[in-house]
């Protein structure tokens, strides 16, 4: 696994942990945000799987990003920003892991 991929996965882990905690705080006022907390946890789980060289982690992250995009659209968030965040994170992960794709189980 490349150093760039490891660094990016740690950034994903930290960013989603922070977002998850902030979503938990906001979910007290708006219970529908618990879905966002769950999606952040799923993305964190996917990143951990990728750090352990499990290819399924990539697909989990892609699925969670798609669900998060749908939630953001339903929640009337900025569609452009939601689309960018749903595409950019999995795309960067793919670009960083594509040369080592066969090494992932």
C-alpha atoms as a PDB file:
ATOM      1  CA  UNK A   1       0.000   0.000   0.000  1.00  0.00           C
ATOM      2  CA  UNK A   2       1.363   3.386  -0.961  1.00  0.00           C
ATOM      3  CA  UNK A   3       2.134   6.073   1.585  1.00  0.00           C
ATOM      4  CA  UNK A   4      -0.233   8.449  -0.217  1.00  0.00           C
ATOM      5  CA  UNK A   5      -3.124   6.032   0.226  1.00  0.00           C
ATOM      6  CA  UNK A   6      -2.332   5.539   3.921  1.00  0.00           C
ATOM      7  CA  UNK A   7      -2.216   9.303   4.493  1.00  0.00           C
ATOM      8  CA  UNK A   8      -5.478   9.832   2.602  1.00  0.00           C
ATOM      9  CA  UNK A   9      -7.229   7.057   4.537  1.00  0.00           C
ATOM     10  CA  UNK A  10      -6.110   8.613   7.833  1.00  0.00           C
ATOM     11  CA  UNK A  11      -7.479  11.962   6.636  1.00  0.00           C
ATOM     12  CA  UNK A  12     -10.763  10.236   5.767  1.00  0.00           C
ATOM     13  CA  UNK A  13     -10.846   8.569   9.197  1.00  0.00           C
ATOM     14  CA  UNK A  14     -10.212  11.795  11.103  1.00  0.00           C
ATOM     15  CA  UNK A  15     -12.550  13.932   8.991  1.00  0.00           C
ATOM     16  CA  UNK A  16     -15.412  11.445   9.272  1.00  0.00           C
ATOM     17  CA  UNK A  17     -14.864  11.007  13.009  1.00  0.00           C
ATOM     18  CA  UNK A  18     -15.116  14.780  13.504  1.00  0.00           C
ATOM     19  CA  UNK A  19     -18.144  15.000  11.222  1.00  0.00           C
ATOM     20  CA  UNK A  20     -19.759  12.086  13.038  1.00  0.00           C
ATOM     21  CA  UNK A  21     -19.336  13.725  16.440  1.00  0.00           C
ATOM     22  CA  UNK A  22     -20.724  17.022  15.133  1.00  0.00           C
ATOM     23  CA  UNK A  23     -23.638  15.166  13.545  1.00  0.00           C
ATOM     24  CA  UNK A  24     -24.368  13.448  16.868  1.00  0.00           C
ATOM     25  CA  UNK A  25     -24.589  16.816  18.555  1.00  0.00           C
ATOM     26  CA  UNK A  26     -26.884  18.155  15.834  1.00  0.00           C
ATOM     27  CA  UNK A  27     -28.958  14.949  15.851  1.00  0.00           C
ATOM     28  CA  UNK A  28     -30.216  15.832  19.310  1.00  0.00           C
ATOM     29  CA  UNK A  29     -32.244  18.610  17.656  1.00  0.00           C
ATOM     30  CA  UNK A  30     -32.926  16.860  14.345  1.00  0.00           C
ATOM     31  CA  UNK A  31     -33.213  13.073  14.755  1.00  0.00           C
ATOM     32  CA  UNK A  32     -32.992  12.487  10.988  1.00  0.00           C
ATOM     33  CA  UNK A  33     -29.279  13.344  11.248  1.00  0.00           C
ATOM     34  CA  UNK A  34     -28.646   9.990  12.946  1.00  0.00           C
ATOM     35  CA  UNK A  35     -28.545   8.562   9.424  1.00  0.00           C
ATOM     36  CA  UNK A  36     -25.576  10.831   8.751  1.00  0.00           C
ATOM     37  CA  UNK A  37     -23.880   9.571  11.917  1.00  0.00           C
ATOM     38  CA  UNK A  38     -24.372   5.989  10.734  1.00  0.00           C
ATOM     39  CA  UNK A  39     -22.981   6.778   7.262  1.00  0.00           C
ATOM     40  CA  UNK A  40     -19.893   8.377   8.838  1.00  0.00           C
ATOM     41  CA  UNK A  41     -19.385   5.221  10.909  1.00  0.00           C
ATOM     42  CA  UNK A  42     -19.734   3.067   7.784  1.00  0.00           C
ATOM     43  CA  UNK A  43     -17.144   5.178   5.936  1.00  0.00           C
ATOM     44  CA  UNK A  44     -14.784   4.861   8.917  1.00  0.00           C
ATOM     45  CA  UNK A  45     -15.277   1.076   8.881  1.00  0.00           C
ATOM     46  CA  UNK A  46     -14.538   0.993   5.145  1.00  0.00           C
ATOM     47  CA  UNK A  47     -11.351   3.022   5.610  1.00  0.00           C
ATOM     48  CA  UNK A  48     -10.203   0.671   8.372  1.00  0.00           C
ATOM     49  CA  UNK A  49     -10.832  -2.300   6.075  1.00  0.00           C
ATOM     50  CA  UNK A  50      -8.744  -0.640   3.370  1.00  0.00           C
ATOM     51  CA  UNK A  51      -5.935  -0.046   5.851  1.00  0.00           C
ATOM     52  CA  UNK A  52      -6.086  -3.802   6.518  1.00  0.00           C
ATOM     53  CA  UNK A  53      -5.833  -4.433   2.755  1.00  0.00           C
ATOM     54  CA  UNK A  54      -9.452  -5.552   2.296  1.00  0.00           C
ATOM     55  CA  UNK A  55     -10.862  -4.498  -1.096  1.00  0.00           C
ATOM     56  CA  UNK A  56     -14.443  -4.621   0.208  1.00  0.00           C
ATOM     57  CA  UNK A  57     -13.665  -1.444   2.167  1.00  0.00           C
ATOM     58  CA  UNK A  58     -13.534   0.510  -1.098  1.00  0.00           C
ATOM     59  CA  UNK A  59     -16.969  -0.689  -2.126  1.00  0.00           C
ATOM     60  CA  UNK A  60     -18.354   0.074   1.338  1.00  0.00           C
ATOM     61  CA  UNK A  61     -17.010   3.621   1.102  1.00  0.00           C
ATOM     62  CA  UNK A  62     -18.530   4.059  -2.366  1.00  0.00           C
ATOM     63  CA  UNK A  63     -21.911   2.811  -1.164  1.00  0.00           C
ATOM     64  CA  UNK A  64     -21.863   5.012   1.927  1.00  0.00           C
ATOM     65  CA  UNK A  65     -20.889   8.033  -0.170  1.00  0.00           C
ATOM     66  CA  UNK A  66     -23.838   7.368  -2.485  1.00  0.00           C
ATOM     67  CA  UNK A  67     -26.260   7.017   0.434  1.00  0.00           C
ATOM     68  CA  UNK A  68     -24.863  10.205   2.002  1.00  0.00           C
ATOM     69  CA  UNK A  69     -25.443  12.034  -1.275  1.00  0.00           C
ATOM     70  CA  UNK A  70     -29.062  10.873  -1.378  1.00  0.00           C
ATOM     71  CA  UNK A  71     -29.567  11.911   2.248  1.00  0.00           C
ATOM     72  CA  UNK A  72     -28.100  15.337   1.530  1.00  0.00           C
ATOM     73  CA  UNK A  73     -30.378  15.805  -1.473  1.00  0.00           C
ATOM     74  CA  UNK A  74     -33.438  14.744   0.530  1.00  0.00           C
ATOM     75  CA  UNK A  75     -32.318  17.041   3.347  1.00  0.00           C
ATOM     76  CA  UNK A  76     -32.144  19.931   0.860  1.00  0.00           C
ATOM     77  CA  UNK A  77     -28.399  20.448   1.223  1.00  0.00           C
ATOM     78  CA  UNK A  78     -26.342  22.032  -1.529  1.00  0.00           C
ATOM     79  CA  UNK A  79     -26.513  19.466  -4.333  1.00  0.00           C
ATOM     80  CA  UNK A  80     -23.265  20.506  -6.018  1.00  0.00           C
ATOM     81  CA  UNK A  81     -21.228  20.321  -2.796  1.00  0.00           C
ATOM     82  CA  UNK A  82     -22.894  17.008  -1.910  1.00  0.00           C
ATOM     83  CA  UNK A  83     -22.103  15.555  -5.324  1.00  0.00           C
ATOM     84  CA  UNK A  84     -18.496  16.687  -5.166  1.00  0.00           C
ATOM     85  CA  UNK A  85     -18.004  15.166  -1.716  1.00  0.00           C
ATOM     86  CA  UNK A  86     -19.688  11.919  -2.782  1.00  0.00           C
ATOM     87  CA  UNK A  87     -17.458  11.570  -5.855  1.00  0.00           C
ATOM     88  CA  UNK A  88     -14.121  13.076  -4.836  1.00  0.00           C
ATOM     89  CA  UNK A  89     -13.358  10.919  -1.777  1.00  0.00           C
ATOM     90  CA  UNK A  90     -13.934   7.540  -3.504  1.00  0.00           C
ATOM     91  CA  UNK A  91     -12.198   8.796  -6.659  1.00  0.00           C
ATOM     92  CA  UNK A  92      -9.059   9.820  -4.761  1.00  0.00           C
ATOM     93  CA  UNK A  93      -9.041   6.468  -2.957  1.00  0.00           C
ATOM     94  CA  UNK A  94      -9.377   4.608  -6.261  1.00  0.00           C
ATOM     95  CA  UNK A  95      -6.638   6.643  -7.936  1.00  0.00           C
ATOM     96  CA  UNK A  96      -4.277   6.001  -5.027  1.00  0.00           C
ATOM     97  CA  UNK A  97      -4.996   2.267  -4.825  1.00  0.00           C
ATOM     98  CA  UNK A  98      -5.377   1.316  -8.494  1.00  0.00           C
ATOM     99  CA  UNK A  99      -1.738   0.297  -8.997  1.00  0.00           C
ATOM    100  CA  UNK A 100      -1.964  -1.952  -5.914  1.00  0.00           C
ATOM    101  CA  UNK A 101      -5.511  -3.196  -6.607  1.00  0.00           C
ATOM    102  CA  UNK A 102      -4.412  -6.821  -6.954  1.00  0.00           C
ATOM    103  CA  UNK A 103      -2.683  -6.719  -3.551  1.00  0.00           C
ATOM    104  CA  UNK A 104      -6.000  -6.095  -1.793  1.00  0.00           C
ATOM    105  CA  UNK A 105      -7.860  -9.251  -0.754  1.00  0.00           C
END
